[in-house]
Amino acid sequence: MELGILSLGDHLPDPGDGKRVSQAERHRSIVEMGVRAEELGFAMIALGEHHFNDYIVASPQLLLAAIAERTERIRLAPAVVLLPMTDPVRVAEDYATLDLLSGGRMELMVGRGISPDHYRAFGFDPAEDRANLDEKLLLLDELWSAAKQPVTWTGRFRAPLDGLTVQPRPLQASPRIWMGSGLSEDSVRRTAERGRPLFLPSILRRPESYADLVALYREIMESSGNGDRAFVGACSHLHVGPTSGAAREKWRPHLLQYATWVNGIRGVDAEVDFDRVVDGPAVCGSPAEVTERLLRIKELLNPDVHLSVFDIGGLPHDDVLRSMELFSAEVMPKVSG
C-alpha cells in the first residue's frame, strides 16, 4: 500500500481565534505541503477541484504544476476533475502540460461531483451528468491515444472535432485515469466495466461500508480479464499526535468545524459527534493508534494507494506539517508496502 496525501482545499477559519488566513496563504500552504510531502516519503499528492464555496482550489492543475517544479518523484493528481462540467480538450491540454513539466508524474482522477448547482452554473443539465461523463471520458481517451490521431468526433456535450490532434502530448504513453466513484454498486460496476482504477470518495463514511463494493469491483475486473489492471485508492481524514489524548484535543475543534460545514454543503443538519467520527471514518490518535487503524483499512480494502487528508478545518499550517512529519517517522514504515 502506497501512502500519499490529499487536500480538498477548505478555507475555514481557525476555530480557536476565528481568524482565517488569506486565500493566497492557503494556496501557498498547499504547495508547501506538497513539497514537504515528497521530502517525507509520500508517494502521491492529490488536490480536489471545487467551485463557488469555501473549498477554494478551483484549478488544481495550477497548484500541481507549482509543486511539480519543486519536486522530483511525488506523483501528482487532481481529485477529482469534474469532467462533466469541463471541456475534455482543455483537460487533455492542461494535464498533458502537467505531465511534461513533472517528467511523467501526472495521474488523472475524474468524477461527477456532488452539487447540481455547479452544473447549472457551467451551463449543463445535472440530470445528464452520467451520460455527460461517459461521453467526455471516451473523448479524453481518444485525445490522448497516439493510435487515434487525428481525432474526428461528434457528441452531445461539446462541439464536434474534425481531424484535430491536441498539443502538447503527455509524456506518458498511457496516463492512468482513475474514476472517483464508489458510493453505489452501480457506479462501481460502471468503473469496473470500463476497466478503470477505482478511487473511493473522501466523504466521511466508515471504511467497512466500502468493503463489499471493493470486492465487487475486483470480482468484475477479474471476470472481464482485467484482473491485473484492478487498482483501488482510498483516503481518510487523519491527524496524528504524540499521544492519543493530545491528538484528539488538538484536532477536535477543527474536525467538528469542518464536518459541520461539509454537512451543510450536503444538506445534512445532524449534529456531529466527534468521538463517533474519529472511531469510524476519520483517523486520529498516537502513532501506534493511527498505525493500527490504517492496518485495519489495509485488511478491509487492500488499497493500492491510501491518501491522508491532513489539512482540514483551519488547522494551522505548522500543525499540519507536524502531523505529516510524525506520520512519516512513526506510521509510514509500519504501514507502507
C-alpha atoms as a PDB file:
ATOM      1  CA  MET A   1       0.000   0.000   0.000  1.00  0.00           C
ATOM      2  CA  GLU A   2       1.474   3.302  -1.128  1.00  0.00           C
ATOM      3  CA  LEU A   3       0.846   6.328   1.056  1.00  0.00           C
ATOM      4  CA  GLY A   4       0.075   9.824  -0.163  1.00  0.00           C
ATOM      5  CA  ILE A   5      -1.768  12.969   0.828  1.00  0.00           C
ATOM      6  CA  LEU A   6      -4.972  14.598  -0.323  1.00  0.00           C
ATOM      7  CA  SER A   7      -6.012  18.220   0.130  1.00  0.00           C
ATOM      8  CA  LEU A   8      -9.529  19.364  -0.659  1.00  0.00           C
ATOM      9  CA  GLY A   9      -8.532  22.979  -0.045  1.00  0.00           C
ATOM     10  CA  ASP A  10     -11.137  24.073   2.501  1.00  0.00           C
ATOM     11  CA  HIS A  11     -10.581  27.668   3.559  1.00  0.00           C
ATOM     12  CA  LEU A  12     -12.088  27.825   7.034  1.00  0.00           C
ATOM     13  CA  PRO A  13     -11.094  29.998   9.995  1.00  0.00           C
ATOM     14  CA  ASP A  14      -9.119  28.686  12.932  1.00  0.00           C
ATOM     15  CA  PRO A  15     -11.908  27.796  15.391  1.00  0.00           C
ATOM     16  CA  GLY A  16      -9.670  28.905  18.258  1.00  0.00           C
ATOM     17  CA  ASP A  17      -9.404  32.579  17.358  1.00  0.00           C
ATOM     18  CA  GLY A  18     -11.811  32.866  14.433  1.00  0.00           C
ATOM     19  CA  LYS A  19      -9.085  34.170  12.132  1.00  0.00           C
ATOM     20  CA  ARG A  20      -8.785  32.987   8.557  1.00  0.00           C
ATOM     21  CA  VAL A  21      -5.562  33.101   6.554  1.00  0.00           C
ATOM     22  CA  SER A  22      -5.779  34.821   3.175  1.00  0.00           C
ATOM     23  CA  GLN A  23      -6.639  32.844   0.059  1.00  0.00           C
ATOM     24  CA  ALA A  24      -3.092  33.439  -1.168  1.00  0.00           C
ATOM     25  CA  GLU A  25      -1.656  31.988   2.064  1.00  0.00           C
ATOM     26  CA  ARG A  26      -3.953  28.974   1.835  1.00  0.00           C
ATOM     27  CA  HIS A  27      -2.913  28.218  -1.731  1.00  0.00           C
ATOM     28  CA  ARG A  28       0.743  28.664  -0.853  1.00  0.00           C
ATOM     29  CA  SER A  29       0.405  26.361   2.154  1.00  0.00           C
ATOM     30  CA  ILE A  30      -0.931  23.597  -0.113  1.00  0.00           C
ATOM     31  CA  VAL A  31       2.068  23.944  -2.419  1.00  0.00           C
ATOM     32  CA  GLU A  32       4.446  23.870   0.540  1.00  0.00           C
ATOM     33  CA  MET A  33       2.643  20.816   1.902  1.00  0.00           C
ATOM     34  CA  GLY A  34       3.181  19.039  -1.422  1.00  0.00           C
ATOM     35  CA  VAL A  35       6.886  19.865  -1.443  1.00  0.00           C
ATOM     36  CA  ARG A  36       7.273  18.679   2.151  1.00  0.00           C
ATOM     37  CA  ALA A  37       5.316  15.505   1.356  1.00  0.00           C
ATOM     38  CA  GLU A  38       7.978  14.392  -1.115  1.00  0.00           C
ATOM     39  CA  GLU A  39      10.723  15.080   1.422  1.00  0.00           C
ATOM     40  CA  LEU A  40       8.860  12.910   3.930  1.00  0.00           C
ATOM     41  CA  GLY A  41       8.489   9.979   1.535  1.00  0.00           C
ATOM     42  CA  PHE A  42       4.852  10.264   0.483  1.00  0.00           C
ATOM     43  CA  ALA A  43       4.262   8.759  -2.952  1.00  0.00           C
ATOM     44  CA  MET A  44       1.445  10.971  -4.209  1.00  0.00           C
ATOM     45  CA  ILE A  45      -0.374  14.261  -3.698  1.00  0.00           C
ATOM     46  CA  ALA A  46      -3.913  14.778  -4.946  1.00  0.00           C
ATOM     47  CA  LEU A  47      -5.838  18.075  -4.886  1.00  0.00           C
ATOM     48  CA  GLY A  48      -9.606  18.438  -5.061  1.00  0.00           C
ATOM     49  CA  GLU A  49     -11.436  20.618  -7.583  1.00  0.00           C
ATOM     50  CA  HIS A  50     -14.401  22.618  -6.269  1.00  0.00           C
ATOM     51  CA  HIS A  51     -16.321  25.751  -7.226  1.00  0.00           C
ATOM     52  CA  PHE A  52     -18.367  28.518  -5.618  1.00  0.00           C
ATOM     53  CA  ASN A  53     -17.773  27.784  -1.924  1.00  0.00           C
ATOM     54  CA  ASP A  54     -15.023  27.745   0.697  1.00  0.00           C
ATOM     55  CA  TYR A  55     -13.285  24.827  -0.950  1.00  0.00           C
ATOM     56  CA  ILE A  56     -11.104  27.270  -2.865  1.00  0.00           C
ATOM     57  CA  VAL A  57      -8.994  25.085  -5.159  1.00  0.00           C
ATOM     58  CA  ALA A  58     -10.823  25.634  -8.447  1.00  0.00           C
ATOM     59  CA  SER A  59      -7.791  24.876 -10.664  1.00  0.00           C
ATOM     60  CA  PRO A  60      -5.783  22.033  -9.103  1.00  0.00           C
ATOM     61  CA  GLN A  61      -3.597  21.761 -12.210  1.00  0.00           C
ATOM     62  CA  LEU A  62      -2.038  25.142 -11.387  1.00  0.00           C
ATOM     63  CA  LEU A  63      -1.097  24.169  -7.835  1.00  0.00           C
ATOM     64  CA  LEU A  64       0.124  20.769  -9.024  1.00  0.00           C
ATOM     65  CA  ALA A  65       2.345  22.486 -11.607  1.00  0.00           C
ATOM     66  CA  ALA A  66       3.840  24.645  -8.851  1.00  0.00           C
ATOM     67  CA  ILE A  67       4.532  21.516  -6.793  1.00  0.00           C
ATOM     68  CA  ALA A  68       5.964  19.749  -9.844  1.00  0.00           C
ATOM     69  CA  GLU A  69       8.596  22.435 -10.342  1.00  0.00           C
ATOM     70  CA  ARG A  70       9.920  21.937  -6.806  1.00  0.00           C
ATOM     71  CA  THR A  71       9.798  18.138  -6.626  1.00  0.00           C
ATOM     72  CA  GLU A  72      11.231  15.169  -8.497  1.00  0.00           C
ATOM     73  CA  ARG A  73       9.396  11.975  -7.501  1.00  0.00           C
ATOM     74  CA  ILE A  74       5.971  12.528  -5.977  1.00  0.00           C
ATOM     75  CA  ARG A  75       3.054  11.713  -8.293  1.00  0.00           C
ATOM     76  CA  LEU A  76       0.522  14.460  -8.968  1.00  0.00           C
ATOM     77  CA  ALA A  77      -3.232  14.177  -9.442  1.00  0.00           C
ATOM     78  CA  PRO A  78      -6.450  16.161  -9.252  1.00  0.00           C
ATOM     79  CA  ALA A  79      -9.062  14.555  -7.001  1.00  0.00           C
ATOM     80  CA  VAL A  80     -11.199  14.858  -8.976  1.00  0.00           C
ATOM     81  CA  VAL A  81     -11.505  16.729 -12.268  1.00  0.00           C
ATOM     82  CA  LEU A  82     -15.222  17.483 -12.593  1.00  0.00           C
ATOM     83  CA  LEU A  83     -15.223  16.267 -16.177  1.00  0.00           C
ATOM     84  CA  PRO A  84     -18.943  16.730 -16.968  1.00  0.00           C
ATOM     85  CA  MET A  85     -18.549  20.474 -16.308  1.00  0.00           C
ATOM     86  CA  THR A  86     -15.303  20.771 -18.279  1.00  0.00           C
ATOM     87  CA  ASP A  87     -14.191  20.643 -21.899  1.00  0.00           C
ATOM     88  CA  PRO A  88     -12.186  17.411 -22.288  1.00  0.00           C
ATOM     89  CA  VAL A  89      -9.991  19.121 -24.890  1.00  0.00           C
ATOM     90  CA  ARG A  90      -8.825  21.610 -22.257  1.00  0.00           C
ATOM     91  CA  VAL A  91      -8.395  18.798 -19.726  1.00  0.00           C
ATOM     92  CA  ALA A  92      -6.211  16.929 -22.235  1.00  0.00           C
ATOM     93  CA  GLU A  93      -4.127  20.056 -22.888  1.00  0.00           C
ATOM     94  CA  ASP A  94      -3.750  21.140 -19.250  1.00  0.00           C
ATOM     95  CA  TYR A  95      -2.842  17.753 -17.825  1.00  0.00           C
ATOM     96  CA  ALA A  96      -0.543  16.846 -20.712  1.00  0.00           C
ATOM     97  CA  THR A  97       1.302  20.069 -19.859  1.00  0.00           C
ATOM     98  CA  LEU A  98       1.491  18.979 -16.212  1.00  0.00           C
ATOM     99  CA  ASP A  99       2.820  15.590 -17.317  1.00  0.00           C
ATOM    100  CA  LEU A 100       5.579  17.237 -19.347  1.00  0.00           C
ATOM    101  CA  LEU A 101       6.555  19.655 -16.578  1.00  0.00           C
ATOM    102  CA  SER A 102       6.666  16.862 -13.994  1.00  0.00           C
ATOM    103  CA  GLY A 103       8.611  14.378 -16.089  1.00  0.00           C
ATOM    104  CA  GLY A 104       5.690  11.968 -16.420  1.00  0.00           C
ATOM    105  CA  ARG A 105       4.301  12.061 -12.857  1.00  0.00           C
ATOM    106  CA  MET A 106       0.724  13.078 -13.651  1.00  0.00           C
ATOM    107  CA  GLU A 107      -2.284  10.877 -12.917  1.00  0.00           C
ATOM    108  CA  LEU A 108      -5.871  11.912 -13.591  1.00  0.00           C
ATOM    109  CA  MET A 109      -8.901  11.302 -11.408  1.00  0.00           C
ATOM    110  CA  VAL A 110     -12.278  12.177 -12.901  1.00  0.00           C
ATOM    111  CA  GLY A 111     -15.763  12.239 -11.436  1.00  0.00           C
ATOM    112  CA  ARG A 112     -19.174  13.875 -11.396  1.00  0.00           C
ATOM    113  CA  GLY A 113     -19.050  15.886  -8.169  1.00  0.00           C
ATOM    114  CA  ILE A 114     -21.915  16.266  -5.710  1.00  0.00           C
ATOM    115  CA  SER A 115     -23.524  19.665  -6.424  1.00  0.00           C
ATOM    116  CA  PRO A 116     -26.249  20.080  -9.089  1.00  0.00           C
ATOM    117  CA  ASP A 117     -25.883  23.858  -8.787  1.00  0.00           C
ATOM    118  CA  HIS A 118     -22.373  23.660 -10.227  1.00  0.00           C
ATOM    119  CA  TYR A 119     -23.689  22.001 -13.379  1.00  0.00           C
ATOM    120  CA  ARG A 120     -26.215  24.770 -13.891  1.00  0.00           C
ATOM    121  CA  ALA A 121     -23.574  27.463 -13.351  1.00  0.00           C
ATOM    122  CA  PHE A 122     -21.422  25.936 -16.090  1.00  0.00           C
ATOM    123  CA  GLY A 123     -24.373  25.522 -18.440  1.00  0.00           C
ATOM    124  CA  PHE A 124     -25.013  21.767 -18.126  1.00  0.00           C
ATOM    125  CA  ASP A 125     -28.058  19.790 -17.034  1.00  0.00           C
ATOM    126  CA  PRO A 126     -27.321  17.910 -13.778  1.00  0.00           C
ATOM    127  CA  ALA A 127     -29.836  15.242 -14.780  1.00  0.00           C
ATOM    128  CA  GLU A 128     -27.477  14.259 -17.606  1.00  0.00           C
ATOM    129  CA  ASP A 129     -24.303  14.146 -15.533  1.00  0.00           C
ATOM    130  CA  ARG A 130     -23.712  10.416 -16.022  1.00  0.00           C
ATOM    131  CA  ALA A 131     -24.174  10.475 -19.815  1.00  0.00           C
ATOM    132  CA  ASN A 132     -22.060  13.632 -19.945  1.00  0.00           C
ATOM    133  CA  LEU A 133     -19.220  11.967 -18.015  1.00  0.00           C
ATOM    134  CA  ASP A 134     -19.338   8.800 -20.126  1.00  0.00           C
ATOM    135  CA  GLU A 135     -19.126  10.714 -23.386  1.00  0.00           C
ATOM    136  CA  LYS A 136     -16.356  13.060 -22.299  1.00  0.00           C
ATOM    137  CA  LEU A 137     -14.280  10.269 -20.809  1.00  0.00           C
ATOM    138  CA  LEU A 138     -14.357   8.366 -24.094  1.00  0.00           C
ATOM    139  CA  LEU A 139     -13.325  11.526 -25.926  1.00  0.00           C
ATOM    140  CA  LEU A 140     -10.461  12.110 -23.472  1.00  0.00           C
ATOM    141  CA  ASP A 141      -9.225   8.575 -24.168  1.00  0.00           C
ATOM    142  CA  GLU A 142      -9.177   9.327 -27.885  1.00  0.00           C
ATOM    143  CA  LEU A 143      -7.442  12.677 -27.458  1.00  0.00           C
ATOM    144  CA  TRP A 144      -4.571  11.016 -25.576  1.00  0.00           C
ATOM    145  CA  SER A 145      -4.373   7.899 -27.750  1.00  0.00           C
ATOM    146  CA  ALA A 146      -1.422   8.063 -30.163  1.00  0.00           C
ATOM    147  CA  ALA A 147      -3.122   5.453 -32.348  1.00  0.00           C
ATOM    148  CA  LYS A 148      -6.263   7.543 -32.897  1.00  0.00           C
ATOM    149  CA  GLN A 149      -4.735  10.807 -34.124  1.00  0.00           C
ATOM    150  CA  PRO A 150      -6.067  12.980 -35.629  1.00  0.00           C
ATOM    151  CA  VAL A 151      -9.434  12.860 -33.861  1.00  0.00           C
ATOM    152  CA  THR A 152     -12.731  13.315 -35.670  1.00  0.00           C
ATOM    153  CA  TRP A 153     -15.616  13.164 -33.237  1.00  0.00           C
ATOM    154  CA  THR A 154     -19.254  14.174 -32.731  1.00  0.00           C
ATOM    155  CA  GLY A 155     -21.206  14.078 -29.472  1.00  0.00           C
ATOM    156  CA  ARG A 156     -23.901  15.769 -27.423  1.00  0.00           C
ATOM    157  CA  PHE A 157     -21.958  17.757 -24.857  1.00  0.00           C
ATOM    158  CA  ARG A 158     -19.380  19.735 -26.842  1.00  0.00           C
ATOM    159  CA  ALA A 159     -18.836  20.961 -30.396  1.00  0.00           C
ATOM    160  CA  PRO A 160     -17.634  18.366 -32.936  1.00  0.00           C
ATOM    161  CA  LEU A 161     -13.963  17.856 -33.775  1.00  0.00           C
ATOM    162  CA  ASP A 162     -12.710  17.431 -37.319  1.00  0.00           C
ATOM    163  CA  GLY A 163      -9.212  16.000 -37.749  1.00  0.00           C
ATOM    164  CA  LEU A 164      -7.817  17.550 -34.558  1.00  0.00           C
ATOM    165  CA  THR A 165      -4.670  16.495 -32.672  1.00  0.00           C
ATOM    166  CA  VAL A 166      -4.348  18.003 -29.207  1.00  0.00           C
ATOM    167  CA  GLN A 167      -0.962  19.508 -28.397  1.00  0.00           C
ATOM    168  CA  PRO A 168       1.045  19.116 -26.268  1.00  0.00           C
ATOM    169  CA  ARG A 169       1.074  15.352 -25.911  1.00  0.00           C
ATOM    170  CA  PRO A 170       1.501  13.764 -22.458  1.00  0.00           C
ATOM    171  CA  LEU A 171       4.959  12.370 -21.772  1.00  0.00           C
ATOM    172  CA  GLN A 172       3.472   9.056 -20.599  1.00  0.00           C
ATOM    173  CA  ALA A 173       2.163   6.817 -23.346  1.00  0.00           C
ATOM    174  CA  SER A 174      -0.932   5.905 -21.310  1.00  0.00           C
ATOM    175  CA  PRO A 175      -1.532   8.153 -18.281  1.00  0.00           C
ATOM    176  CA  ARG A 176      -3.530   6.469 -15.531  1.00  0.00           C
ATOM    177  CA  ILE A 177      -7.117   7.766 -15.446  1.00  0.00           C
ATOM    178  CA  TRP A 178      -8.939   6.948 -12.196  1.00  0.00           C
ATOM    179  CA  MET A 179     -12.688   7.015 -11.655  1.00  0.00           C
ATOM    180  CA  GLY A 180     -13.614   8.851  -8.465  1.00  0.00           C
ATOM    181  CA  SER A 181     -16.523   6.639  -7.525  1.00  0.00           C
ATOM    182  CA  GLY A 182     -17.716   4.060  -5.058  1.00  0.00           C
ATOM    183  CA  LEU A 183     -20.844   5.384  -3.341  1.00  0.00           C
ATOM    184  CA  SER A 184     -23.124   2.876  -5.063  1.00  0.00           C
ATOM    185  CA  GLU A 185     -22.987  -0.575  -6.610  1.00  0.00           C
ATOM    186  CA  ASP A 186     -23.950   0.908  -9.977  1.00  0.00           C
ATOM    187  CA  SER A 187     -21.041   3.356 -10.013  1.00  0.00           C
ATOM    188  CA  VAL A 188     -18.585   0.617  -9.043  1.00  0.00           C
ATOM    189  CA  ARG A 189     -19.921  -1.696 -11.745  1.00  0.00           C
ATOM    190  CA  ARG A 190     -19.545   1.017 -14.365  1.00  0.00           C
ATOM    191  CA  THR A 191     -15.970   1.699 -13.249  1.00  0.00           C
ATOM    192  CA  ALA A 192     -15.043  -1.985 -13.420  1.00  0.00           C
ATOM    193  CA  GLU A 193     -16.799  -2.483 -16.761  1.00  0.00           C
ATOM    194  CA  ARG A 194     -14.668   0.350 -18.160  1.00  0.00           C
ATOM    195  CA  GLY A 195     -11.558  -1.361 -16.788  1.00  0.00           C
ATOM    196  CA  ARG A 196     -10.640   1.771 -14.817  1.00  0.00           C
ATOM    197  CA  PRO A 197      -8.845   2.221 -11.493  1.00  0.00           C
ATOM    198  CA  LEU A 198     -11.313   2.937  -8.665  1.00  0.00           C
ATOM    199  CA  PHE A 199     -10.793   5.782  -6.208  1.00  0.00           C
ATOM    200  CA  LEU A 200     -13.165   5.744  -3.247  1.00  0.00           C
ATOM    201  CA  PRO A 201     -14.669   9.088  -2.200  1.00  0.00           C
ATOM    202  CA  SER A 202     -13.462  11.092   0.788  1.00  0.00           C
ATOM    203  CA  ILE A 203     -16.939  11.522   2.259  1.00  0.00           C
ATOM    204  CA  LEU A 204     -16.944  10.719   5.975  1.00  0.00           C
ATOM    205  CA  ARG A 205     -18.023   7.077   5.867  1.00  0.00           C
ATOM    206  CA  ARG A 206     -16.610   4.091   7.720  1.00  0.00           C
ATOM    207  CA  PRO A 207     -14.173   2.024   5.637  1.00  0.00           C
ATOM    208  CA  GLU A 208     -16.291  -1.079   6.327  1.00  0.00           C
ATOM    209  CA  SER A 209     -19.029   0.438   4.174  1.00  0.00           C
ATOM    210  CA  TYR A 210     -16.795   0.141   1.105  1.00  0.00           C
ATOM    211  CA  ALA A 211     -15.625  -3.448   1.609  1.00  0.00           C
ATOM    212  CA  ASP A 212     -18.355  -5.162  -0.413  1.00  0.00           C
ATOM    213  CA  LEU A 213     -18.090  -2.576  -3.192  1.00  0.00           C
ATOM    214  CA  VAL A 214     -14.334  -3.056  -3.475  1.00  0.00           C
ATOM    215  CA  ALA A 215     -14.792  -6.836  -3.562  1.00  0.00           C
ATOM    216  CA  LEU A 216     -17.383  -6.406  -6.333  1.00  0.00           C
ATOM    217  CA  TYR A 217     -15.025  -4.165  -8.289  1.00  0.00           C
ATOM    218  CA  ARG A 218     -12.187  -6.686  -8.125  1.00  0.00           C
ATOM    219  CA  GLU A 219     -14.528  -9.559  -8.996  1.00  0.00           C
ATOM    220  CA  ILE A 220     -15.791  -7.805 -12.145  1.00  0.00           C
ATOM    221  CA  MET A 221     -12.293  -6.760 -13.158  1.00  0.00           C
ATOM    222  CA  GLU A 222     -11.090 -10.361 -12.799  1.00  0.00           C
ATOM    223  CA  SER A 223     -14.027 -11.899 -14.671  1.00  0.00           C
ATOM    224  CA  SER A 224     -13.601  -9.458 -17.568  1.00  0.00           C
ATOM    225  CA  GLY A 225      -9.898 -10.259 -17.989  1.00  0.00           C
ATOM    226  CA  ASN A 226      -8.718  -7.037 -16.348  1.00  0.00           C
ATOM    227  CA  GLY A 227      -7.623  -8.506 -13.025  1.00  0.00           C
ATOM    228  CA  ASP A 228      -4.060  -7.286 -13.493  1.00  0.00           C
ATOM    229  CA  ARG A 229      -5.416  -3.749 -14.028  1.00  0.00           C
ATOM    230  CA  ALA A 230      -7.553  -3.671 -10.873  1.00  0.00           C
ATOM    231  CA  PHE A 231      -6.338  -0.717  -8.836  1.00  0.00           C
ATOM    232  CA  VAL A 232      -8.006   0.756  -5.742  1.00  0.00           C
ATOM    233  CA  GLY A 233      -7.394   4.032  -3.955  1.00  0.00           C
ATOM    234  CA  ALA A 234      -8.818   5.046  -0.566  1.00  0.00           C
ATOM    235  CA  CYS A 235      -8.497   8.074   1.671  1.00  0.00           C
ATOM    236  CA  SER A 236      -9.104   9.151   5.265  1.00  0.00           C
ATOM    237  CA  HIS A 237      -9.204  12.417   7.163  1.00  0.00           C
ATOM    238  CA  LEU A 238      -6.286  11.928   9.530  1.00  0.00           C
ATOM    239  CA  HIS A 239      -4.375  13.538  12.370  1.00  0.00           C
ATOM    240  CA  VAL A 240      -1.542  12.059  14.417  1.00  0.00           C
ATOM    241  CA  GLY A 241      -0.104  13.462  17.635  1.00  0.00           C
ATOM    242  CA  PRO A 242       2.414  12.338  20.245  1.00  0.00           C
ATOM    243  CA  THR A 243      -0.372  10.740  22.308  1.00  0.00           C
ATOM    244  CA  SER A 244      -3.970   9.851  21.620  1.00  0.00           C
ATOM    245  CA  GLY A 245      -5.183  12.480  24.068  1.00  0.00           C
ATOM    246  CA  ALA A 246      -3.020  15.223  22.594  1.00  0.00           C
ATOM    247  CA  ALA A 247      -4.077  14.332  19.051  1.00  0.00           C
ATOM    248  CA  ARG A 248      -7.777  14.410  19.888  1.00  0.00           C
ATOM    249  CA  GLU A 249      -7.528  17.622  21.879  1.00  0.00           C
ATOM    250  CA  LYS A 250      -5.718  19.378  19.020  1.00  0.00           C
ATOM    251  CA  TRP A 251      -7.954  18.077  16.235  1.00  0.00           C
ATOM    252  CA  ARG A 252     -11.387  18.168  17.922  1.00  0.00           C
ATOM    253  CA  PRO A 253     -12.390  21.781  17.159  1.00  0.00           C
ATOM    254  CA  HIS A 254     -11.032  21.597  13.612  1.00  0.00           C
ATOM    255  CA  LEU A 255     -12.753  18.329  12.714  1.00  0.00           C
ATOM    256  CA  LEU A 256     -16.031  19.448  14.311  1.00  0.00           C
ATOM    257  CA  GLN A 257     -15.978  22.710  12.373  1.00  0.00           C
ATOM    258  CA  TYR A 258     -15.062  21.002   9.126  1.00  0.00           C
ATOM    259  CA  ALA A 259     -17.577  18.145   9.380  1.00  0.00           C
ATOM    260  CA  THR A 260     -20.393  20.540  10.363  1.00  0.00           C
ATOM    261  CA  TRP A 261     -19.556  22.766   7.387  1.00  0.00           C
ATOM    262  CA  VAL A 262     -19.421  19.796   4.991  1.00  0.00           C
ATOM    263  CA  ASN A 263     -22.767  18.567   6.297  1.00  0.00           C
ATOM    264  CA  GLY A 264     -24.210  21.980   5.496  1.00  0.00           C
ATOM    265  CA  ILE A 265     -22.996  21.697   1.899  1.00  0.00           C
ATOM    266  CA  ARG A 266     -24.570  18.253   1.680  1.00  0.00           C
ATOM    267  CA  GLY A 267     -27.852  19.398   3.204  1.00  0.00           C
ATOM    268  CA  VAL A 268     -27.371  17.372   6.395  1.00  0.00           C
ATOM    269  CA  ASP A 269     -28.350  19.078   9.663  1.00  0.00           C
ATOM    270  CA  ALA A 270     -27.425  16.337  12.162  1.00  0.00           C
ATOM    271  CA  GLU A 271     -25.063  17.307  14.968  1.00  0.00           C
ATOM    272  CA  VAL A 272     -21.528  15.983  14.538  1.00  0.00           C
ATOM    273  CA  ASP A 273     -20.330  13.542  17.214  1.00  0.00           C
ATOM    274  CA  PHE A 274     -16.529  13.874  17.330  1.00  0.00           C
ATOM    275  CA  ASP A 275     -15.904  10.557  19.071  1.00  0.00           C
ATOM    276  CA  ARG A 276     -18.119   8.679  16.625  1.00  0.00           C
ATOM    277  CA  VAL A 277     -16.334  10.231  13.648  1.00  0.00           C
ATOM    278  CA  VAL A 278     -12.805   9.504  14.879  1.00  0.00           C
ATOM    279  CA  ASP A 279     -13.778   5.987  15.925  1.00  0.00           C
ATOM    280  CA  GLY A 280     -15.205   5.340  12.451  1.00  0.00           C
ATOM    281  CA  PRO A 281     -14.463   7.162   9.203  1.00  0.00           C
ATOM    282  CA  ALA A 282     -11.713   9.529  10.385  1.00  0.00           C
ATOM    283  CA  VAL A 283      -8.374   8.502  11.903  1.00  0.00           C
ATOM    284  CA  CYS A 284      -6.902  10.323  14.895  1.00  0.00           C
ATOM    285  CA  GLY A 285      -4.515   9.350  17.650  1.00  0.00           C
ATOM    286  CA  SER A 286      -0.997   8.413  18.620  1.00  0.00           C
ATOM    287  CA  PRO A 287       1.341   6.864  16.044  1.00  0.00           C
ATOM    288  CA  ALA A 288       0.502   3.404  17.377  1.00  0.00           C
ATOM    289  CA  GLU A 289      -3.245   4.039  17.195  1.00  0.00           C
ATOM    290  CA  VAL A 290      -3.056   5.506  13.686  1.00  0.00           C
ATOM    291  CA  THR A 291      -0.897   2.586  12.559  1.00  0.00           C
ATOM    292  CA  GLU A 292      -3.457   0.119  13.882  1.00  0.00           C
ATOM    293  CA  ARG A 293      -6.311   1.939  12.140  1.00  0.00           C
ATOM    294  CA  LEU A 294      -4.529   2.051   8.772  1.00  0.00           C
ATOM    295  CA  LEU A 295      -3.589  -1.610   9.018  1.00  0.00           C
ATOM    296  CA  ARG A 296      -7.280  -2.306   9.584  1.00  0.00           C
ATOM    297  CA  ILE A 297      -8.150  -0.349   6.424  1.00  0.00           C
ATOM    298  CA  LYS A 298      -5.477  -2.338   4.607  1.00  0.00           C
ATOM    299  CA  GLU A 299      -7.054  -5.564   5.845  1.00  0.00           C
ATOM    300  CA  LEU A 300     -10.573  -4.484   4.876  1.00  0.00           C
ATOM    301  CA  LEU A 301      -9.950  -2.904   1.472  1.00  0.00           C
ATOM    302  CA  ASN A 302      -6.383  -3.791   0.485  1.00  0.00           C
ATOM    303  CA  PRO A 303      -5.996  -0.467  -1.334  1.00  0.00           C
ATOM    304  CA  ASP A 304      -3.063   0.045  -3.654  1.00  0.00           C
ATOM    305  CA  VAL A 305      -2.903   3.699  -2.573  1.00  0.00           C
ATOM    306  CA  HIS A 306      -4.114   5.405   0.590  1.00  0.00           C
ATOM    307  CA  LEU A 307      -4.250   9.207   0.798  1.00  0.00           C
ATOM    308  CA  SER A 308      -4.424  11.061   4.116  1.00  0.00           C
ATOM    309  CA  VAL A 309      -6.247  14.393   4.421  1.00  0.00           C
ATOM    310  CA  PHE A 310      -4.219  16.320   6.997  1.00  0.00           C
ATOM    311  CA  ASP A 311      -5.251  19.944   6.368  1.00  0.00           C
ATOM    312  CA  ILE A 312      -8.871  20.500   7.367  1.00  0.00           C
ATOM    313  CA  GLY A 313     -10.914  22.911   9.426  1.00  0.00           C
ATOM    314  CA  GLY A 314      -8.453  25.779   9.650  1.00  0.00           C
ATOM    315  CA  LEU A 315      -5.728  23.635  11.258  1.00  0.00           C
ATOM    316  CA  PRO A 316      -2.623  25.889  11.220  1.00  0.00           C
ATOM    317  CA  HIS A 317      -0.042  25.015   8.578  1.00  0.00           C
ATOM    318  CA  ASP A 318       2.679  24.261  11.139  1.00  0.00           C
ATOM    319  CA  ASP A 319       0.370  21.781  12.889  1.00  0.00           C
ATOM    320  CA  VAL A 320      -0.408  20.123   9.557  1.00  0.00           C
ATOM    321  CA  LEU A 321       3.307  19.670   8.874  1.00  0.00           C
ATOM    322  CA  ARG A 322       3.968  18.325  12.382  1.00  0.00           C
ATOM    323  CA  SER A 323       1.270  15.704  11.893  1.00  0.00           C
ATOM    324  CA  MET A 324       2.719  14.735   8.499  1.00  0.00           C
ATOM    325  CA  GLU A 325       6.228  14.519   9.954  1.00  0.00           C
ATOM    326  CA  LEU A 326       5.162  12.284  12.834  1.00  0.00           C
ATOM    327  CA  PHE A 327       3.203  10.110  10.398  1.00  0.00           C
ATOM    328  CA  SER A 328       6.259   9.792   8.164  1.00  0.00           C
ATOM    329  CA  ALA A 329       8.604   8.909  11.008  1.00  0.00           C
ATOM    330  CA  GLU A 330       6.467   6.501  13.024  1.00  0.00           C
ATOM    331  CA  VAL A 331       3.495   5.300  10.939  1.00  0.00           C
ATOM    332  CA  MET A 332       4.714   5.083   7.378  1.00  0.00           C
ATOM    333  CA  PRO A 333       7.439   2.455   7.973  1.00  0.00           C
ATOM    334  CA  LYS A 334       4.872   0.103   9.568  1.00  0.00           C
ATOM    335  CA  VAL A 335       2.084   0.564   7.018  1.00  0.00           C
ATOM    336  CA  SER A 336       3.551   1.105   3.560  1.00  0.00           C
ATOM    337  CA  GLY A 337       4.329  -1.753   1.232  1.00  0.00           C
END
